[in-house]
């Protein structure tokens, strides 16, 4: 369906309401979204193993505010179906600062959606239909234990965060959204307390996709940020340590005068904004930060190569079957994330070990040459991968590792003959990237010391 037809038929998105109840140690949440006139959605969320004492300490007013904000973070996933020009908020109040925050998320976080659907970017107007409370905003002022919460999605980054915090002698709990069999095995390998949360998408959204309604990427990490802060407060964790790196700051493509960044909601720009938002509107004393912000993906891969115990368990491929309850971890070996992850680990791991992990040598698959060119090209793949320069660096370092080989793998041969000549300073640039440290971060000093020690260690 075209945008004009959809917007005429569905002029407004209503955040109509939400409910929550605490029973049997779990908080069960239900949201009520309506795209006027006749599309209704009821996404759900269940947070398990919440103590009755925690619910009592936080109180209804605080939990209402938390869940209201989770509902706001959920809106883009459903709004995208019709791109209504107006969003009406009927179950809570937004001040001017909040409207700026959520409008900015639409402006910057939906760039890929507009690009992929060939639409002119725009920001829906927010209309608040509730009366301003006498005292507003009212963020939670409770003080929390100095413990750390690490969201785990299966990738190598969160595992590096966990190991850095463990080395810094911090008390750590993990939290997992929609835990499946591979994630259960990973959590077991980590061996720490885990908090499980289940998010259920309204199936009507999938039906609309089949019917030709709009679909595409949304800034899901923004939802995880708000959820992480809520989980931190519920489980008495002051520090919410996400695992987003310096590489996520780089955009993918320019589109209609605007930078499109697949990872906007993982960027430092968004991290700063959500930290400020949390302290003003959610919980003053929760410290939300990315523990890996100073580092590039290549540096994280180097560090991760020193923890082979996680090799059988970590998950970096985003293909649909990767999130099922499959009996073993698999890699599709055809997507940008698979190729980048393989290349990033190649210089630092034993070759046979890596080939066994992936079920093959991706550098020997000539069909991946176009993907390699995309990773270093003008339009970077819409995946969570390294910057263009560090991607060139990982292929260069992989090529160096093959020094003395009688025959180069297909991709490295192509890289040597067709890409490398454009980077005459790559040796120096690769070394610079490997030793880099971005000062723009909120990493606690104790964790910074560990990370700096990691990147200074020579790992073979």
Protein backbone atom coordinates (compact mmCIF):
# COMPACT_ATOMS: atom_id res chain seq x y z
CA UNK A 1 0.00 0.00 0.00
CA UNK A 2 1.24 3.50 -0.70
CA UNK A 3 1.83 6.02 2.09
CA UNK A 4 -0.85 8.55 1.03
CA UNK A 5 -3.56 5.89 0.96
CA UNK A 6 -2.55 4.59 4.39
CA UNK A 7 -2.36 8.02 6.00
CA UNK A 8 -5.78 9.00 4.67
CA UNK A 9 -7.34 5.80 5.92
CA UNK A 10 -5.41 5.74 9.22
CA UNK A 11 -4.81 9.35 10.31
CA UNK A 12 -3.97 8.75 13.98
CA UNK A 13 -2.16 6.32 16.24
CA UNK A 14 -3.58 6.18 19.79
CA UNK A 15 -1.62 5.06 22.82
CA UNK A 16 -4.93 4.25 24.39
CA UNK A 17 -3.86 2.64 27.64
CA UNK A 18 -2.02 -0.05 29.54
CA UNK A 19 -2.64 -2.45 32.40
CA UNK A 20 -0.34 -4.39 34.67
CA UNK A 21 -0.73 -6.82 37.50
CA UNK A 22 1.59 -8.54 39.92
CA UNK A 23 0.89 -12.22 40.58
CA UNK A 24 2.95 -15.32 41.34
CA UNK A 25 6.20 -13.35 41.34
CA UNK A 26 5.71 -11.82 37.91
CA UNK A 27 4.60 -8.47 36.52
CA UNK A 28 2.34 -8.98 33.50
CA UNK A 29 1.82 -5.96 31.26
CA UNK A 30 -0.62 -5.35 28.41
CA UNK A 31 -0.62 -2.30 26.14
CA UNK A 32 -3.56 -0.98 24.16
CA UNK A 33 -2.71 0.65 20.82
CA UNK A 34 -5.27 1.75 18.24
CA UNK A 35 -4.54 2.97 14.74
CA UNK A 36 -7.73 4.88 14.01
CA UNK A 37 -10.24 3.85 12.95
CA UNK A 38 -10.08 0.06 13.25
CA UNK A 39 -6.63 -1.45 13.86
CA UNK A 40 -6.09 -2.53 17.46
CA UNK A 41 -2.98 -4.10 19.01
CA UNK A 42 -2.32 -5.59 22.44
CA UNK A 43 1.43 -6.23 22.89
CA UNK A 44 2.39 -7.94 26.14
CA UNK A 45 5.35 -8.12 28.48
CA UNK A 46 6.08 -10.42 31.42
CA UNK A 47 8.88 -9.75 33.92
CA UNK A 48 9.55 -12.84 36.00
CA UNK A 49 10.84 -13.40 39.56
CA UNK A 50 10.00 -9.91 40.83
CA UNK A 51 9.80 -9.76 44.62
CA UNK A 52 6.65 -8.47 46.30
CA UNK A 53 8.89 -6.23 48.40
CA UNK A 54 10.28 -4.56 45.28
CA UNK A 55 6.79 -3.89 43.93
CA UNK A 56 5.81 -2.41 47.29
CA UNK A 57 8.94 -0.23 47.57
CA UNK A 58 8.59 1.19 44.06
CA UNK A 59 4.83 1.66 44.40
CA UNK A 60 2.02 1.97 41.87
CA UNK A 61 2.82 5.51 40.76
CA UNK A 62 6.41 4.60 39.90
CA UNK A 63 5.49 1.35 38.14
CA UNK A 64 2.75 3.11 36.18
CA UNK A 65 5.34 5.61 34.99
CA UNK A 66 7.82 2.88 34.05
CA UNK A 67 5.23 0.93 32.09
CA UNK A 68 3.87 4.05 30.41
CA UNK A 69 7.39 4.79 29.12
CA UNK A 70 7.84 1.20 27.98
CA UNK A 71 4.64 1.68 26.00
CA UNK A 72 6.06 4.81 24.38
CA UNK A 73 9.17 2.83 23.42
CA UNK A 74 6.97 0.12 21.90
CA UNK A 75 5.06 2.53 19.63
CA UNK A 76 7.45 2.60 16.60
CA UNK A 77 7.05 -1.17 16.06
CA UNK A 78 3.31 -0.71 15.46
CA UNK A 79 3.15 2.86 14.14
CA UNK A 80 5.28 1.84 11.14
CA UNK A 81 2.39 -0.18 9.65
CA UNK A 82 0.57 2.95 8.49
CA UNK A 83 2.82 5.91 9.45
CA UNK A 84 -0.07 7.89 10.92
CA UNK A 85 0.62 11.63 10.93
CA UNK A 86 -0.43 12.02 14.56
CA UNK A 87 0.26 10.06 17.75
CA UNK A 88 -2.31 10.69 20.47
CA UNK A 89 -1.21 9.89 24.04
CA UNK A 90 -4.30 9.13 26.11
CA UNK A 91 -2.93 7.34 29.18
CA UNK A 92 -0.17 9.59 30.53
CA UNK A 93 1.35 13.02 30.29
CA UNK A 94 4.32 14.15 28.21
CA UNK A 95 6.05 17.46 28.78
CA UNK A 96 7.95 19.33 26.07
CA UNK A 97 11.24 17.60 26.92
CA UNK A 98 9.71 14.14 26.54
CA UNK A 99 8.08 15.04 23.25
CA UNK A 100 11.48 16.21 21.98
CA UNK A 101 13.07 12.93 23.08
CA UNK A 102 10.51 10.69 21.36
CA UNK A 103 10.32 12.93 18.28
CA UNK A 104 14.10 12.73 17.99
CA UNK A 105 13.89 8.93 18.12
CA UNK A 106 11.49 8.98 15.17
CA UNK A 107 13.67 11.48 13.32
CA UNK A 108 16.96 9.58 13.71
CA UNK A 109 15.94 6.04 14.60
CA UNK A 110 13.47 5.50 11.75
CA UNK A 111 15.88 6.58 9.00
CA UNK A 112 16.46 3.03 7.77
CA UNK A 113 12.71 2.39 7.65
CA UNK A 114 12.15 5.43 5.44
CA UNK A 115 15.15 4.55 3.26
CA UNK A 116 14.09 0.94 2.72
CA UNK A 117 10.52 1.98 1.88
CA UNK A 118 11.67 4.90 -0.31
CA UNK A 119 9.65 7.38 1.76
CA UNK A 120 10.34 11.01 2.58
CA UNK A 121 11.35 11.08 6.28
CA UNK A 122 8.92 12.78 8.64
CA UNK A 123 8.13 12.92 12.34
CA UNK A 124 4.56 12.36 13.53
CA UNK A 125 3.14 15.04 15.80
CA UNK A 126 2.50 14.07 19.42
CA UNK A 127 -0.85 15.12 20.86
CA UNK A 128 -1.19 14.68 24.63
CA UNK A 129 -4.80 14.18 25.67
CA UNK A 130 -4.26 13.85 29.42
CA UNK A 131 -4.14 16.60 32.02
CA UNK A 132 -0.77 17.60 33.41
CA UNK A 133 -0.33 16.34 37.00
CA UNK A 134 0.26 18.88 39.75
CA UNK A 135 3.78 17.54 40.30
CA UNK A 136 5.53 16.45 37.15
CA UNK A 137 7.83 14.76 36.29
CA UNK A 138 8.28 12.49 39.28
CA UNK A 139 11.34 10.23 38.71
CA UNK A 140 12.09 7.53 41.27
CA UNK A 141 14.54 8.90 43.85
CA UNK A 142 15.39 5.57 45.53
CA UNK A 143 19.06 4.66 45.96
CA UNK A 144 20.17 1.27 44.66
CA UNK A 145 22.79 -1.32 45.52
CA UNK A 146 26.06 -0.84 43.57
CA UNK A 147 25.41 -3.98 41.50
CA UNK A 148 25.55 -4.30 37.72
CA UNK A 149 22.91 -5.51 35.29
CA UNK A 150 24.16 -6.78 31.91
CA UNK A 151 21.59 -7.32 29.13
CA UNK A 152 22.57 -10.39 27.10
CA UNK A 153 21.39 -10.95 23.54
CA UNK A 154 23.81 -13.70 22.60
CA UNK A 155 26.62 -11.74 20.97
CA UNK A 156 30.28 -11.49 21.91
CA UNK A 157 29.99 -7.89 23.17
CA UNK A 158 27.91 -8.63 26.28
CA UNK A 159 30.29 -11.48 27.14
CA UNK A 160 33.25 -9.10 27.03
CA UNK A 161 31.29 -6.71 29.26
CA UNK A 162 30.59 -9.51 31.72
CA UNK A 163 34.22 -10.63 31.85
CA UNK A 164 35.44 -7.04 32.30
CA UNK A 165 33.03 -6.48 35.20
CA UNK A 166 33.98 -9.81 36.74
CA UNK A 167 37.66 -8.86 36.56
CA UNK A 168 36.76 -5.53 38.18
CA UNK A 169 35.23 -7.59 41.02
CA UNK A 170 31.68 -6.30 40.54
CA UNK A 171 28.45 -8.06 41.51
CA UNK A 172 26.70 -8.89 38.23
CA UNK A 173 23.32 -10.19 37.10
CA UNK A 174 22.29 -10.73 33.50
CA UNK A 175 18.96 -10.18 31.87
CA UNK A 176 17.62 -11.85 28.73
CA UNK A 177 14.63 -10.94 26.60
CA UNK A 178 12.71 -13.88 25.11
CA UNK A 179 15.08 -16.58 26.32
CA UNK A 180 15.37 -19.53 23.95
CA UNK A 181 17.39 -22.77 24.04
CA UNK A 182 20.69 -21.31 22.70
CA UNK A 183 20.43 -18.37 25.11
CA UNK A 184 19.75 -20.72 28.01
CA UNK A 185 22.97 -22.58 27.19
CA UNK A 186 24.86 -19.30 27.00
CA UNK A 187 23.51 -18.11 30.35
CA UNK A 188 24.47 -21.46 31.87
CA UNK A 189 28.00 -20.99 30.51
CA UNK A 190 28.17 -17.52 32.07
CA UNK A 191 27.01 -18.96 35.38
CA UNK A 192 25.46 -15.91 37.05
CA UNK A 193 21.98 -14.92 38.22
CA UNK A 194 19.70 -14.19 35.28
CA UNK A 195 16.49 -12.19 34.95
CA UNK A 196 14.09 -13.39 32.29
CA UNK A 197 11.67 -11.13 30.45
CA UNK A 198 9.18 -12.17 27.77
CA UNK A 199 7.89 -9.73 25.14
CA UNK A 200 5.01 -10.83 22.91
CA UNK A 201 4.31 -9.05 19.63
CA UNK A 202 0.65 -8.80 18.66
CA UNK A 203 0.21 -11.33 15.80
CA UNK A 204 -1.95 -8.83 13.93
CA UNK A 205 1.27 -6.98 13.04
CA UNK A 206 2.48 -10.00 11.06
CA UNK A 207 -0.91 -10.27 9.34
CA UNK A 208 -0.69 -6.64 8.22
CA UNK A 209 2.76 -7.28 6.77
CA UNK A 210 1.34 -10.10 4.63
CA UNK A 211 -1.43 -7.75 3.46
CA UNK A 212 1.08 -5.22 2.17
CA UNK A 213 1.12 -2.69 5.00
CA UNK A 214 4.42 -0.92 5.62
CA UNK A 215 7.19 -2.79 7.38
CA UNK A 216 10.86 -2.29 8.18
CA UNK A 217 13.54 -1.60 10.75
CA UNK A 218 12.72 0.22 13.99
CA UNK A 219 15.15 1.40 16.70
CA UNK A 220 14.59 -1.61 18.95
CA UNK A 221 17.62 -0.86 21.16
CA UNK A 222 15.73 2.18 22.46
CA UNK A 223 13.08 -0.18 23.83
CA UNK A 224 15.79 -2.35 25.39
CA UNK A 225 17.34 0.75 26.99
CA UNK A 226 14.10 1.73 28.72
CA UNK A 227 13.43 -1.90 29.66
CA UNK A 228 16.95 -2.25 31.09
CA UNK A 229 16.45 0.80 33.31
CA UNK A 230 13.12 -0.58 34.54
CA UNK A 231 14.68 -3.98 35.26
CA UNK A 232 17.55 -2.31 37.09
CA UNK A 233 15.11 -0.48 39.36
CA UNK A 234 12.94 -3.55 39.97
CA UNK A 235 15.92 -5.74 40.89
CA UNK A 236 17.91 -3.13 42.83
CA UNK A 237 20.80 -2.67 40.35
CA UNK A 238 22.30 0.80 40.14
CA UNK A 239 24.37 0.16 37.00
CA UNK A 240 22.77 -0.92 33.74
CA UNK A 241 25.78 -1.87 31.63
CA UNK A 242 24.88 -2.25 27.98
CA UNK A 243 27.47 -3.40 25.46
CA UNK A 244 27.45 -0.95 22.58
CA UNK A 245 30.68 0.06 20.94
CA UNK A 246 32.25 3.04 19.21
CA UNK A 247 31.62 1.46 15.80
CA UNK A 248 27.87 2.00 16.15
CA UNK A 249 28.35 5.76 15.80
CA UNK A 250 29.06 5.42 12.06
CA UNK A 251 26.10 5.75 9.70
CA UNK A 252 25.28 3.53 6.73
CA UNK A 253 24.20 5.92 3.98
CA UNK A 254 23.05 9.48 3.26
CA UNK A 255 19.37 9.66 2.32
CA UNK A 256 17.55 12.85 1.38
CA UNK A 257 20.06 14.98 3.23
CA UNK A 258 20.01 12.87 6.39
CA UNK A 259 22.45 10.33 7.80
CA UNK A 260 20.85 6.91 8.12
CA UNK A 261 22.35 4.81 10.89
CA UNK A 262 21.07 1.26 11.41
CA UNK A 263 22.55 1.48 14.91
CA UNK A 264 21.31 4.95 15.90
CA UNK A 265 19.72 3.66 19.10
CA UNK A 266 23.07 2.04 19.94
CA UNK A 267 25.07 5.21 19.27
CA UNK A 268 26.74 7.47 21.82
CA UNK A 269 24.39 10.27 20.76
CA UNK A 270 21.39 8.21 21.83
CA UNK A 271 23.16 6.91 24.95
CA UNK A 272 23.60 10.50 26.17
CA UNK A 273 19.96 11.31 25.51
CA UNK A 274 18.53 8.23 27.20
CA UNK A 275 20.77 8.76 30.26
CA UNK A 276 19.43 12.29 30.63
CA UNK A 277 15.87 11.14 30.00
CA UNK A 278 16.14 8.41 32.62
CA UNK A 279 17.46 10.69 35.33
CA UNK A 280 14.73 13.28 34.70
CA UNK A 281 11.73 11.05 34.04
CA UNK A 282 12.44 7.50 35.26
CA UNK A 283 14.99 6.89 38.03
CA UNK A 284 17.48 9.54 39.20
CA UNK A 285 20.02 7.10 40.56
CA UNK A 286 20.15 4.47 37.83
CA UNK A 287 23.43 4.76 35.91
CA UNK A 288 22.77 3.64 32.33
CA UNK A 289 25.94 3.39 30.25
CA UNK A 290 27.73 1.36 27.60
CA UNK A 291 30.74 -0.43 29.00
CA UNK A 292 32.32 -0.88 25.54
CA UNK A 293 31.76 2.61 24.15
CA UNK A 294 35.51 3.46 23.96
CA UNK A 295 36.24 0.44 21.74
CA UNK A 296 35.84 -0.57 18.12
CA UNK A 297 34.35 -3.94 17.15
CA UNK A 298 37.79 -5.18 16.06
CA UNK A 299 39.14 -4.49 19.56
CA UNK A 300 36.21 -6.33 21.13
CA UNK A 301 36.81 -9.28 18.80
CA UNK A 302 40.45 -9.35 19.87
CA UNK A 303 39.44 -9.37 23.54
CA UNK A 304 36.76 -11.99 22.95
CA UNK A 305 39.26 -14.30 21.27
CA UNK A 306 40.84 -14.68 24.71
CA UNK A 307 37.68 -16.34 26.07
CA UNK A 308 37.30 -19.52 23.97
CA UNK A 309 35.00 -21.06 26.59
CA UNK A 310 32.19 -19.00 25.03
CA UNK A 311 32.88 -19.99 21.42
CA UNK A 312 30.31 -22.84 21.33
CA UNK A 313 27.58 -20.60 22.75
CA UNK A 314 27.72 -17.04 21.43
CA UNK A 315 25.25 -15.95 18.72
CA UNK A 316 25.85 -13.22 16.15
CA UNK A 317 23.80 -14.26 13.12
CA UNK A 318 20.40 -12.59 12.83
CA UNK A 319 18.73 -15.00 10.43
CA UNK A 320 15.26 -16.05 11.62
CA UNK A 321 16.15 -19.62 12.52
CA UNK A 322 18.82 -18.31 14.88
CA UNK A 323 16.19 -17.27 17.42
CA UNK A 324 14.30 -20.58 17.49
CA UNK A 325 14.73 -23.32 20.03
CA UNK A 326 17.18 -25.15 17.80
CA UNK A 327 19.25 -27.89 19.35
CA UNK A 328 22.57 -26.30 18.50
CA UNK A 329 24.11 -22.98 17.54
CA UNK A 330 24.31 -22.41 13.80
CA UNK A 331 25.59 -19.70 11.47
CA UNK A 332 23.91 -18.96 8.15
CA UNK A 333 27.37 -18.10 6.67
CA UNK A 334 25.70 -15.86 4.07
CA UNK A 335 24.91 -12.58 5.89
CA UNK A 336 27.04 -9.48 6.65
CA UNK A 337 27.18 -10.26 10.37
CA UNK A 338 28.49 -13.76 9.80
CA UNK A 339 31.18 -12.53 7.41
CA UNK A 340 32.20 -9.59 9.57
CA UNK A 341 32.33 -11.67 12.76
CA UNK A 342 34.38 -14.38 11.04
CA UNK A 343 36.78 -11.78 9.61
CA UNK A 344 37.07 -9.87 12.90
CA UNK A 345 38.02 -13.02 14.82
CA UNK A 346 40.27 -14.49 12.12
CA UNK A 347 43.45 -12.52 12.95
CA UNK A 348 43.24 -13.43 16.64
CA UNK A 349 41.99 -17.04 16.73
CA UNK A 350 43.40 -20.38 15.69
CA UNK A 351 42.20 -20.91 12.13
CA UNK A 352 41.04 -24.48 12.67
CA UNK A 353 39.15 -23.46 15.79
CA UNK A 354 37.33 -20.69 13.94
CA UNK A 355 36.47 -22.88 10.94
CA UNK A 356 35.04 -25.49 13.28
CA UNK A 357 33.00 -22.84 15.08
CA UNK A 358 31.42 -21.51 11.86
CA UNK A 359 31.17 -24.87 10.13
CA UNK A 360 33.36 -23.75 7.26
CA UNK A 361 35.91 -21.20 6.07
CA UNK A 362 33.92 -18.17 4.94
CA UNK A 363 36.99 -16.78 3.18
CA UNK A 364 36.77 -19.68 0.71
CA UNK A 365 33.24 -18.77 -0.41
CA UNK A 366 33.55 -16.61 -3.52
CA UNK A 367 29.83 -15.85 -3.38
CA UNK A 368 30.58 -13.60 -0.37
CA UNK A 369 32.75 -11.18 -2.38
CA UNK A 370 29.81 -8.78 -2.95
CA UNK A 371 29.16 -8.78 0.81
CA UNK A 372 32.80 -7.94 1.49
CA UNK A 373 32.56 -5.03 -0.95
CA UNK A 374 29.39 -3.81 0.78
CA UNK A 375 31.07 -3.92 4.20
CA UNK A 376 33.75 -1.50 3.01
CA UNK A 377 31.57 0.37 0.49
CA UNK A 378 29.46 3.49 0.20
CA UNK A 379 26.26 1.86 1.46
CA UNK A 380 27.27 -0.22 4.47
CA UNK A 381 24.95 -3.19 5.15
CA UNK A 382 22.14 -2.48 7.59
CA UNK A 383 23.61 -4.73 10.27
CA UNK A 384 25.52 -4.28 13.51
CA UNK A 385 28.99 -4.47 11.99
CA UNK A 386 32.22 -2.50 12.26
CA UNK A 387 33.08 0.78 10.58
CA UNK A 388 34.28 0.71 6.99
CA UNK A 389 37.89 1.39 7.98
CA UNK A 390 38.06 -1.24 10.69
CA UNK A 391 36.48 -3.74 8.29
CA UNK A 392 39.32 -3.05 5.85
CA UNK A 393 41.66 -3.49 8.82
CA UNK A 394 40.26 -6.92 9.76
CA UNK A 395 40.63 -8.17 6.19
CA UNK A 396 44.15 -6.72 6.05
CA UNK A 397 45.13 -8.38 9.33
CA UNK A 398 43.59 -11.64 8.10
CA UNK A 399 45.68 -11.32 4.93
CA UNK A 400 48.82 -10.74 7.03
CA UNK A 401 48.05 -13.89 8.97
CA UNK A 402 48.27 -15.80 5.68
CA UNK A 403 51.80 -14.54 4.97
CA UNK A 404 53.79 -17.46 3.60
CA UNK A 405 50.72 -19.43 2.50
CA UNK A 406 51.06 -21.05 -0.92
CA UNK A 407 47.47 -20.20 -1.83
CA UNK A 408 45.29 -17.45 -0.38
CA UNK A 409 41.59 -18.03 0.41
CA UNK A 410 39.34 -16.64 -2.33
CA UNK A 411 38.13 -13.56 -0.42
CA UNK A 412 41.59 -12.59 0.78
CA UNK A 413 42.96 -12.98 -2.75
CA UNK A 414 40.22 -10.69 -4.03
CA UNK A 415 40.83 -8.23 -1.20
CA UNK A 416 44.54 -8.12 -1.98
CA UNK A 417 44.02 -7.51 -5.70
CA UNK A 418 40.93 -5.28 -5.72
CA UNK A 419 40.51 -3.43 -2.41
CA UNK A 420 43.83 -3.15 -0.60
CA UNK A 421 45.39 -0.73 -3.12
CA UNK A 422 42.94 1.97 -2.00
CA UNK A 423 44.40 1.94 1.51
CA UNK A 424 48.16 2.64 1.25
CA UNK A 425 48.35 3.49 4.99
CA UNK A 426 46.36 0.52 6.24
CA UNK A 427 49.20 -0.96 8.33
CA UNK A 428 49.39 2.20 10.43
CA UNK A 429 45.62 2.65 10.42
CA UNK A 430 45.04 -0.91 11.62
CA UNK A 431 47.47 -0.45 14.50
CA UNK A 432 45.82 2.86 15.38
CA UNK A 433 42.38 1.27 15.47
CA UNK A 434 43.62 -1.63 17.62
CA UNK A 435 45.05 0.79 20.21
CA UNK A 436 42.23 3.37 20.02
CA UNK A 437 40.30 4.67 23.01
CA UNK A 438 37.33 7.02 22.61
CA UNK A 439 37.21 9.48 25.50
CA UNK A 440 33.50 10.13 24.88
CA UNK A 441 32.05 7.56 27.26
CA UNK A 442 30.48 7.06 30.69
CA UNK A 443 32.50 3.99 31.69
CA UNK A 444 33.31 3.80 35.45
CA UNK A 445 37.01 4.10 36.27
CA UNK A 446 37.33 0.54 37.61
CA UNK A 447 35.89 -0.89 34.40
CA UNK A 448 38.01 1.44 32.26
CA UNK A 449 41.17 0.07 33.87
CA UNK A 450 40.20 -3.48 32.96
CA UNK A 451 39.30 -2.59 29.37
CA UNK A 452 42.57 -0.73 28.90
CA UNK A 453 44.45 -3.76 30.20
CA UNK A 454 42.54 -5.95 27.75
CA UNK A 455 43.47 -3.94 24.67
CA UNK A 456 47.10 -3.73 25.71
CA UNK A 457 47.46 -7.51 26.01
CA UNK A 458 48.87 -9.28 22.98
CA UNK A 459 46.50 -12.11 22.15
CA UNK A 460 47.60 -14.75 19.62
